[in-house]
Amino acid sequence: MSRTVNVNFKLDSEVKKRMEQACSDMGLSMSAAFTIFAKKVGRERRIPFEVSADPFYSESNIRYLEGIARDIREGKAHFGEHELIED
């Protein structure tokens, strides 16, 4: 029989709260949910869902958005009707 060990890590409190609620709704403890995840990763040798970067949060897009926000604050932004907007 295998021996259990404690694993400690930090989570944002709101993430933990939402996960606890989701697990509770499924009749699971967080420990059981993490055990399911760990077993699947160990068996399949992969993260069992797609992990990808959202391009919205890329460094280049963040810099672009910060530039737009700066232009708005400094009064340099010019807003007008887009050609796709119909009357």
PDB file of N, CA and C in Angstrom:
ATOM      1  N   MET A   1       0.846  -1.185   0.000  1.00  0.00           N
ATOM      2  CA  MET A   1       0.000   0.000   0.000  1.00  0.00           C
ATOM      3  C   MET A   1       0.888   1.243   0.000  1.00  0.00           C
ATOM      4  N   SER A   2       0.520   2.205  -0.805  1.00  0.00           N
ATOM      5  CA  SER A   2       1.334   3.414  -0.903  1.00  0.00           C
ATOM      6  C   SER A   2       1.096   4.317   0.304  1.00  0.00           C
ATOM      7  N   ARG A   3       2.089   5.105   0.597  1.00  0.00           N
ATOM      8  CA  ARG A   3       2.041   6.025   1.723  1.00  0.00           C
ATOM      9  C   ARG A   3       1.655   7.399   1.218  1.00  0.00           C
ATOM     10  N   THR A   4       0.785   8.101   1.913  1.00  0.00           N
ATOM     11  CA  THR A   4       0.394   9.446   1.493  1.00  0.00           C
ATOM     12  C   THR A   4       1.373  10.465   2.061  1.00  0.00           C
ATOM     13  N   VAL A   5       1.548  11.547   1.324  1.00  0.00           N
ATOM     14  CA  VAL A   5       2.415  12.641   1.742  1.00  0.00           C
ATOM     15  C   VAL A   5       1.653  13.948   1.608  1.00  0.00           C
ATOM     16  N   ASN A   6       2.069  14.933   2.346  1.00  0.00           N
ATOM     17  CA  ASN A   6       1.483  16.264   2.229  1.00  0.00           C
ATOM     18  C   ASN A   6       2.207  17.042   1.148  1.00  0.00           C
ATOM     19  N   VAL A   7       1.455  17.784   0.360  1.00  0.00           N
ATOM     20  CA  VAL A   7       2.003  18.672  -0.657  1.00  0.00           C
ATOM     21  C   VAL A   7       1.427  20.051  -0.369  1.00  0.00           C
ATOM     22  N   ASN A   8       2.282  21.033  -0.246  1.00  0.00           N
ATOM     23  CA  ASN A   8       1.837  22.390   0.064  1.00  0.00           C
ATOM     24  C   ASN A   8       2.150  23.322  -1.095  1.00  0.00           C
ATOM     25  N   PHE A   9       1.195  24.164  -1.444  1.00  0.00           N
ATOM     26  CA  PHE A   9       1.415  25.199  -2.441  1.00  0.00           C
ATOM     27  C   PHE A   9       0.449  26.333  -2.170  1.00  0.00           C
ATOM     28  N   LYS A  10       0.705  27.477  -2.779  1.00  0.00           N
ATOM     29  CA  LYS A  10      -0.109  28.658  -2.547  1.00  0.00           C
ATOM     30  C   LYS A  10      -1.088  28.868  -3.691  1.00  0.00           C
ATOM     31  N   LEU A  11      -2.287  29.325  -3.338  1.00  0.00           N
ATOM     32  CA  LEU A  11      -3.327  29.694  -4.299  1.00  0.00           C
ATOM     33  C   LEU A  11      -3.875  31.054  -3.917  1.00  0.00           C
ATOM     34  N   ASP A  12      -4.290  31.800  -4.905  1.00  0.00           N
ATOM     35  CA  ASP A  12      -5.030  33.024  -4.648  1.00  0.00           C
ATOM     36  C   ASP A  12      -6.289  32.647  -3.859  1.00  0.00           C
ATOM     37  N   SER A  13      -6.637  33.437  -2.861  1.00  0.00           N
ATOM     38  CA  SER A  13      -7.772  33.081  -1.995  1.00  0.00           C
ATOM     39  C   SER A  13      -9.079  32.955  -2.768  1.00  0.00           C
ATOM     40  N   GLU A  14      -9.289  33.795  -3.775  1.00  0.00           N
ATOM     41  CA  GLU A  14     -10.528  33.711  -4.562  1.00  0.00           C
ATOM     42  C   GLU A  14     -10.545  32.453  -5.425  1.00  0.00           C
ATOM     43  N   VAL A  15      -9.392  32.077  -5.977  1.00  0.00           N
ATOM     44  CA  VAL A  15      -9.293  30.837  -6.760  1.00  0.00           C
ATOM     45  C   VAL A  15      -9.622  29.647  -5.863  1.00  0.00           C
ATOM     46  N   LYS A  16      -9.060  29.644  -4.659  1.00  0.00           N
ATOM     47  CA  LYS A  16      -9.313  28.552  -3.706  1.00  0.00           C
ATOM     48  C   LYS A  16     -10.795  28.476  -3.359  1.00  0.00           C
ATOM     49  N   LYS A  17     -11.391  29.619  -3.097  1.00  0.00           N
ATOM     50  CA  LYS A  17     -12.811  29.664  -2.735  1.00  0.00           C
ATOM     51  C   LYS A  17     -13.682  29.091  -3.857  1.00  0.00           C
ATOM     52  N   ARG A  18     -13.395  29.491  -5.116  1.00  0.00           N
ATOM     53  CA  ARG A  18     -14.190  28.987  -6.244  1.00  0.00           C
ATOM     54  C   ARG A  18     -13.976  27.491  -6.439  1.00  0.00           C
ATOM     55  N   MET A  19     -12.721  27.040  -6.248  1.00  0.00           N
ATOM     56  CA  MET A  19     -12.446  25.614  -6.410  1.00  0.00           C
ATOM     57  C   MET A  19     -13.135  24.809  -5.313  1.00  0.00           C
ATOM     58  N   GLU A  20     -13.085  25.289  -4.085  1.00  0.00           N
ATOM     59  CA  GLU A  20     -13.768  24.589  -2.994  1.00  0.00           C
ATOM     60  C   GLU A  20     -15.253  24.448  -3.290  1.00  0.00           C
ATOM     61  N   GLN A  21     -15.866  25.513  -3.810  1.00  0.00           N
ATOM     62  CA  GLN A  21     -17.292  25.460  -4.121  1.00  0.00           C
ATOM     63  C   GLN A  21     -17.569  24.470  -5.257  1.00  0.00           C
ATOM     64  N   ALA A  22     -16.751  24.526  -6.302  1.00  0.00           N
ATOM     65  CA  ALA A  22     -16.932  23.608  -7.429  1.00  0.00           C
ATOM     66  C   ALA A  22     -16.758  22.163  -6.972  1.00  0.00           C
ATOM     67  N   CYS A  23     -15.734  21.913  -6.177  1.00  0.00           N
ATOM     68  CA  CYS A  23     -15.502  20.549  -5.672  1.00  0.00           C
ATOM     69  C   CYS A  23     -16.676  20.095  -4.810  1.00  0.00           C
ATOM     70  N   SER A  24     -17.135  20.982  -3.946  1.00  0.00           N
ATOM     71  CA  SER A  24     -18.278  20.656  -3.087  1.00  0.00           C
ATOM     72  C   SER A  24     -19.510  20.306  -3.920  1.00  0.00           C
ATOM     73  N   ASP A  25     -19.732  21.076  -4.973  1.00  0.00           N
ATOM     74  CA  ASP A  25     -20.879  20.819  -5.856  1.00  0.00           C
ATOM     75  C   ASP A  25     -20.789  19.448  -6.522  1.00  0.00           C
ATOM     76  N   MET A  26     -19.555  18.950  -6.701  1.00  0.00           N
ATOM     77  CA  MET A  26     -19.344  17.634  -7.315  1.00  0.00           C
ATOM     78  C   MET A  26     -19.203  16.528  -6.276  1.00  0.00           C
ATOM     79  N   GLY A  27     -19.312  16.891  -4.994  1.00  0.00           N
ATOM     80  CA  GLY A  27     -19.174  15.905  -3.939  1.00  0.00           C
ATOM     81  C   GLY A  27     -17.737  15.481  -3.686  1.00  0.00           C
ATOM     82  N   LEU A  28     -16.795  16.367  -4.002  1.00  0.00           N
ATOM     83  CA  LEU A  28     -15.367  16.067  -3.833  1.00  0.00           C
ATOM     84  C   LEU A  28     -14.733  17.041  -2.860  1.00  0.00           C
ATOM     85  N   SER A  29     -13.654  16.609  -2.241  1.00  0.00           N
ATOM     86  CA  SER A  29     -12.806  17.531  -1.494  1.00  0.00           C
ATOM     87  C   SER A  29     -11.767  18.073  -2.474  1.00  0.00           C
ATOM     88  N   MET A  30     -11.118  19.156  -2.098  1.00  0.00           N
ATOM     89  CA  MET A  30     -10.040  19.668  -2.943  1.00  0.00           C
ATOM     90  C   MET A  30      -8.926  18.633  -3.032  1.00  0.00           C
ATOM     91  N   SER A  31      -8.676  17.938  -1.936  1.00  0.00           N
ATOM     92  CA  SER A  31      -7.633  16.910  -1.930  1.00  0.00           C
ATOM     93  C   SER A  31      -7.948  15.820  -2.949  1.00  0.00           C
ATOM     94  N   ALA A  32      -9.207  15.390  -2.993  1.00  0.00           N
ATOM     95  CA  ALA A  32      -9.605  14.357  -3.961  1.00  0.00           C
ATOM     96  C   ALA A  32      -9.457  14.870  -5.389  1.00  0.00           C
ATOM     97  N   ALA A  33      -9.832  16.133  -5.615  1.00  0.00           N
ATOM     98  CA  ALA A  33      -9.722  16.705  -6.959  1.00  0.00           C
ATOM     99  C   ALA A  33      -8.263  16.770  -7.404  1.00  0.00           C
ATOM    100  N   PHE A  34      -7.378  17.220  -6.508  1.00  0.00           N
ATOM    101  CA  PHE A  34      -5.958  17.278  -6.858  1.00  0.00           C
ATOM    102  C   PHE A  34      -5.385  15.881  -7.058  1.00  0.00           C
ATOM    103  N   THR A  35      -5.866  14.906  -6.285  1.00  0.00           N
ATOM    104  CA  THR A  35      -5.399  13.530  -6.460  1.00  0.00           C
ATOM    105  C   THR A  35      -5.814  12.999  -7.831  1.00  0.00           C
ATOM    106  N   ILE A  36      -7.036  13.277  -8.245  1.00  0.00           N
ATOM    107  CA  ILE A  36      -7.502  12.869  -9.572  1.00  0.00           C
ATOM    108  C   ILE A  36      -6.608  13.492 -10.644  1.00  0.00           C
ATOM    109  N   PHE A  37      -6.352  14.794 -10.504  1.00  0.00           N
ATOM    110  CA  PHE A  37      -5.488  15.508 -11.450  1.00  0.00           C
ATOM    111  C   PHE A  37      -4.099  14.870 -11.483  1.00  0.00           C
ATOM    112  N   ALA A  38      -3.498  14.642 -10.312  1.00  0.00           N
ATOM    113  CA  ALA A  38      -2.143  14.098 -10.240  1.00  0.00           C
ATOM    114  C   ALA A  38      -2.065  12.696 -10.849  1.00  0.00           C
ATOM    115  N   LYS A  39      -3.065  11.877 -10.591  1.00  0.00           N
ATOM    116  CA  LYS A  39      -3.067  10.519 -11.160  1.00  0.00           C
ATOM    117  C   LYS A  39      -3.158  10.563 -12.680  1.00  0.00           C
ATOM    118  N   LYS A  40      -3.993  11.449 -13.186  1.00  0.00           N
ATOM    119  CA  LYS A  40      -4.149  11.555 -14.642  1.00  0.00           C
ATOM    120  C   LYS A  40      -2.864  12.061 -15.289  1.00  0.00           C
ATOM    121  N   VAL A  41      -2.220  13.055 -14.684  1.00  0.00           N
ATOM    122  CA  VAL A  41      -0.948  13.564 -15.212  1.00  0.00           C
ATOM    123  C   VAL A  41       0.092  12.454 -15.191  1.00  0.00           C
ATOM    124  N   GLY A  42       0.172  11.729 -14.084  1.00  0.00           N
ATOM    125  CA  GLY A  42       1.139  10.645 -13.975  1.00  0.00           C
ATOM    126  C   GLY A  42       0.897   9.527 -14.974  1.00  0.00           C
ATOM    127  N   ARG A  43      -0.365   9.208 -15.211  1.00  0.00           N
ATOM    128  CA  ARG A  43      -0.723   8.131 -16.144  1.00  0.00           C
ATOM    129  C   ARG A  43      -0.505   8.545 -17.592  1.00  0.00           C
ATOM    130  N   GLU A  44      -0.928   9.761 -17.945  1.00  0.00           N
ATOM    131  CA  GLU A  44      -0.881  10.206 -19.344  1.00  0.00           C
ATOM    132  C   GLU A  44       0.378  10.993 -19.688  1.00  0.00           C
ATOM    133  N   ARG A  45       1.111  11.424 -18.655  1.00  0.00           N
ATOM    134  CA  ARG A  45       2.349  12.194 -18.839  1.00  0.00           C
ATOM    135  C   ARG A  45       2.100  13.473 -19.626  1.00  0.00           C
ATOM    136  N   ARG A  46       0.984  14.123 -19.319  1.00  0.00           N
ATOM    137  CA  ARG A  46       0.627  15.399 -19.937  1.00  0.00           C
ATOM    138  C   ARG A  46      -0.378  16.111 -19.042  1.00  0.00           C
ATOM    139  N   ILE A  47      -0.516  17.410 -19.229  1.00  0.00           N
ATOM    140  CA  ILE A  47      -1.578  18.150 -18.550  1.00  0.00           C
ATOM    141  C   ILE A  47      -2.877  17.733 -19.230  1.00  0.00           C
ATOM    142  N   PRO A  48      -3.878  17.307 -18.474  1.00  0.00           N
ATOM    143  CA  PRO A  48      -5.086  16.736 -19.096  1.00  0.00           C
ATOM    144  C   PRO A  48      -6.074  17.749 -19.666  1.00  0.00           C
ATOM    145  N   PHE A  49      -5.593  18.904 -20.027  1.00  0.00           N
ATOM    146  CA  PHE A  49      -6.404  19.911 -20.696  1.00  0.00           C
ATOM    147  C   PHE A  49      -5.454  20.828 -21.438  1.00  0.00           C
ATOM    148  N   GLU A  50      -5.988  21.596 -22.368  1.00  0.00           N
ATOM    149  CA  GLU A  50      -5.142  22.478 -23.166  1.00  0.00           C
ATOM    150  C   GLU A  50      -4.657  23.652 -22.325  1.00  0.00           C
ATOM    151  N   VAL A  51      -3.372  23.903 -22.387  1.00  0.00           N
ATOM    152  CA  VAL A  51      -2.783  25.056 -21.716  1.00  0.00           C
ATOM    153  C   VAL A  51      -2.180  25.924 -22.806  1.00  0.00           C
ATOM    154  N   SER A  52      -2.679  27.140 -22.915  1.00  0.00           N
ATOM    155  CA  SER A  52      -2.157  28.027 -23.947  1.00  0.00           C
ATOM    156  C   SER A  52      -2.194  29.461 -23.434  1.00  0.00           C
ATOM    157  N   ALA A  53      -1.410  30.280 -24.052  1.00  0.00           N
ATOM    158  CA  ALA A  53      -1.367  31.691 -23.681  1.00  0.00           C
ATOM    159  C   ALA A  53      -2.427  32.441 -24.467  1.00  0.00           C
ATOM    160  N   ASP A  54      -3.175  33.267 -23.776  1.00  0.00           N
ATOM    161  CA  ASP A  54      -4.158  34.119 -24.429  1.00  0.00           C
ATOM    162  C   ASP A  54      -3.399  35.297 -25.034  1.00  0.00           C
ATOM    163  N   PRO A  55      -3.438  35.468 -26.366  1.00  0.00           N
ATOM    164  CA  PRO A  55      -2.665  36.552 -26.987  1.00  0.00           C
ATOM    165  C   PRO A  55      -3.064  37.937 -26.480  1.00  0.00           C
ATOM    166  N   PHE A  56      -4.250  38.063 -25.915  1.00  0.00           N
ATOM    167  CA  PHE A  56      -4.660  39.357 -25.372  1.00  0.00           C
ATOM    168  C   PHE A  56      -3.693  39.809 -24.293  1.00  0.00           C
ATOM    169  N   TYR A  57      -3.144  38.857 -23.531  1.00  0.00           N
ATOM    170  CA  TYR A  57      -2.262  39.177 -22.415  1.00  0.00           C
ATOM    171  C   TYR A  57      -0.776  39.120 -22.784  1.00  0.00           C
ATOM    172  N   SER A  58      -0.470  39.077 -24.076  1.00  0.00           N
ATOM    173  CA  SER A  58       0.928  39.059 -24.485  1.00  0.00           C
ATOM    174  C   SER A  58       1.583  40.392 -24.140  1.00  0.00           C
ATOM    175  N   GLU A  59       2.900  40.363 -23.959  1.00  0.00           N
ATOM    176  CA  GLU A  59       3.614  41.593 -23.611  1.00  0.00           C
ATOM    177  C   GLU A  59       3.407  42.683 -24.649  1.00  0.00           C
ATOM    178  N   SER A  60       3.428  42.313 -25.930  1.00  0.00           N
ATOM    179  CA  SER A  60       3.280  43.330 -26.972  1.00  0.00           C
ATOM    180  C   SER A  60       1.888  43.953 -26.941  1.00  0.00           C
ATOM    181  N   ASN A  61       0.856  43.163 -26.690  1.00  0.00           N
ATOM    182  CA  ASN A  61      -0.498  43.717 -26.637  1.00  0.00           C
ATOM    183  C   ASN A  61      -0.688  44.570 -25.392  1.00  0.00           C
ATOM    184  N   ILE A  62      -0.105  44.154 -24.265  1.00  0.00           N
ATOM    185  CA  ILE A  62      -0.198  44.968 -23.052  1.00  0.00           C
ATOM    186  C   ILE A  62       0.455  46.333 -23.291  1.00  0.00           C
ATOM    187  N   ARG A  63       1.626  46.344 -23.923  1.00  0.00           N
ATOM    188  CA  ARG A  63       2.296  47.617 -24.239  1.00  0.00           C
ATOM    189  C   ARG A  63       1.415  48.471 -25.150  1.00  0.00           C
ATOM    190  N   TYR A  64       0.793  47.849 -26.157  1.00  0.00           N
ATOM    191  CA  TYR A  64      -0.085  48.556 -27.085  1.00  0.00           C
ATOM    192  C   TYR A  64      -1.267  49.186 -26.325  1.00  0.00           C
ATOM    193  N   LEU A  65      -1.905  48.387 -25.451  1.00  0.00           N
ATOM    194  CA  LEU A  65      -3.056  48.882 -24.693  1.00  0.00           C
ATOM    195  C   LEU A  65      -2.644  49.989 -23.723  1.00  0.00           C
ATOM    196  N   GLU A  66      -1.467  49.839 -23.102  1.00  0.00           N
ATOM    197  CA  GLU A  66      -0.977  50.898 -22.214  1.00  0.00           C
ATOM    198  C   GLU A  66      -0.737  52.184 -22.990  1.00  0.00           C
ATOM    199  N   GLY A  67      -0.256  52.073 -24.227  1.00  0.00           N
ATOM    200  CA  GLY A  67      -0.057  53.251 -25.075  1.00  0.00           C
ATOM    201  C   GLY A  67      -1.371  53.935 -25.393  1.00  0.00           C
ATOM    202  N   ILE A  68      -2.384  53.146 -25.702  1.00  0.00           N
ATOM    203  CA  ILE A  68      -3.707  53.728 -25.977  1.00  0.00           C
ATOM    204  C   ILE A  68      -4.242  54.424 -24.731  1.00  0.00           C
ATOM    205  N   ALA A  69      -4.111  53.769 -23.570  1.00  0.00           N
ATOM    206  CA  ALA A  69      -4.585  54.379 -22.321  1.00  0.00           C
ATOM    207  C   ALA A  69      -3.846  55.678 -22.047  1.00  0.00           C
ATOM    208  N   ARG A  70      -2.552  55.707 -22.296  1.00  0.00           N
ATOM    209  CA  ARG A  70      -1.757  56.919 -22.104  1.00  0.00           C
ATOM    210  C   ARG A  70      -2.251  58.023 -23.042  1.00  0.00           C
ATOM    211  N   ASP A  71      -2.488  57.675 -24.312  1.00  0.00           N
ATOM    212  CA  ASP A  71      -2.990  58.669 -25.277  1.00  0.00           C
ATOM    213  C   ASP A  71      -4.338  59.227 -24.846  1.00  0.00           C
ATOM    214  N   ILE A  72      -5.191  58.369 -24.298  1.00  0.00           N
ATOM    215  CA  ILE A  72      -6.505  58.829 -23.824  1.00  0.00           C
ATOM    216  C   ILE A  72      -6.322  59.799 -22.661  1.00  0.00           C
ATOM    217  N   ARG A  73      -5.481  59.427 -21.695  1.00  0.00           N
ATOM    218  CA  ARG A  73      -5.235  60.298 -20.534  1.00  0.00           C
ATOM    219  C   ARG A  73      -4.655  61.645 -20.949  1.00  0.00           C
ATOM    220  N   GLU A  74      -3.796  61.633 -21.952  1.00  0.00           N
ATOM    221  CA  GLU A  74      -3.126  62.867 -22.387  1.00  0.00           C
ATOM    222  C   GLU A  74      -3.925  63.628 -23.437  1.00  0.00           C
ATOM    223  N   GLY A  75      -5.105  63.135 -23.774  1.00  0.00           N
ATOM    224  CA  GLY A  75      -5.953  63.822 -24.736  1.00  0.00           C
ATOM    225  C   GLY A  75      -5.497  63.685 -26.176  1.00  0.00           C
ATOM    226  N   LYS A  76      -4.656  62.724 -26.451  1.00  0.00           N
ATOM    227  CA  LYS A  76      -4.122  62.531 -27.803  1.00  0.00           C
ATOM    228  C   LYS A  76      -4.956  61.564 -28.632  1.00  0.00           C
ATOM    229  N   ALA A  77      -5.874  60.874 -28.012  1.00  0.00           N
ATOM    230  CA  ALA A  77      -6.676  59.879 -28.736  1.00  0.00           C
ATOM    231  C   ALA A  77      -7.817  60.586 -29.461  1.00  0.00           C
ATOM    232  N   HIS A  78      -8.086  60.155 -30.677  1.00  0.00           N
ATOM    233  CA  HIS A  78      -9.169  60.726 -31.475  1.00  0.00           C
ATOM    234  C   HIS A  78     -10.155  59.616 -31.784  1.00  0.00           C
ATOM    235  N   PHE A  79     -11.380  59.820 -31.362  1.00  0.00           N
ATOM    236  CA  PHE A  79     -12.402  58.813 -31.575  1.00  0.00           C
ATOM    237  C   PHE A  79     -13.367  59.291 -32.648  1.00  0.00           C
ATOM    238  N   GLY A  80     -13.758  58.367 -33.490  1.00  0.00           N
ATOM    239  CA  GLY A  80     -14.721  58.703 -34.536  1.00  0.00           C
ATOM    240  C   GLY A  80     -15.524  57.478 -34.899  1.00  0.00           C
ATOM    241  N   GLU A  81     -16.493  57.702 -35.738  1.00  0.00           N
ATOM    242  CA  GLU A  81     -17.337  56.609 -36.171  1.00  0.00           C
ATOM    243  C   GLU A  81     -16.560  55.687 -37.078  1.00  0.00           C
ATOM    244  N   HIS A  82     -16.730  54.402 -36.889  1.00  0.00           N
ATOM    245  CA  HIS A  82     -16.077  53.410 -37.720  1.00  0.00           C
ATOM    246  C   HIS A  82     -16.891  53.238 -39.001  1.00  0.00           C
ATOM    247  N   GLU A  83     -16.220  52.938 -40.101  1.00  0.00           N
ATOM    248  CA  GLU A  83     -16.912  52.818 -41.379  1.00  0.00           C
ATOM    249  C   GLU A  83     -17.917  51.662 -41.410  1.00  0.00           C
ATOM    250  N   LEU A  84     -17.761  50.704 -40.496  1.00  0.00           N
ATOM    251  CA  LEU A  84     -18.703  49.581 -40.458  1.00  0.00           C
ATOM    252  C   LEU A  84     -19.985  49.921 -39.719  1.00  0.00           C
ATOM    253  N   ILE A  85     -20.003  51.041 -39.019  1.00  0.00           N
ATOM    254  CA  ILE A  85     -21.197  51.432 -38.283  1.00  0.00           C
ATOM    255  C   ILE A  85     -22.170  52.065 -39.260  1.00  0.00           C
ATOM    256  N   GLU A  86     -23.370  51.526 -39.265  1.00  0.00           N
ATOM    257  CA  GLU A  86     -24.397  52.043 -40.164  1.00  0.00           C
ATOM    258  C   GLU A  86     -25.346  52.957 -39.381  1.00  0.00           C
ATOM    259  N   ASP A  87     -25.860  53.946 -40.073  1.00  0.00           N
ATOM    260  CA  ASP A  87     -26.834  54.847 -39.443  1.00  0.00           C
ATOM    261  C   ASP A  87     -28.159  54.181 -39.277  1.00  0.00           C
TER     262      ASP A  87
END
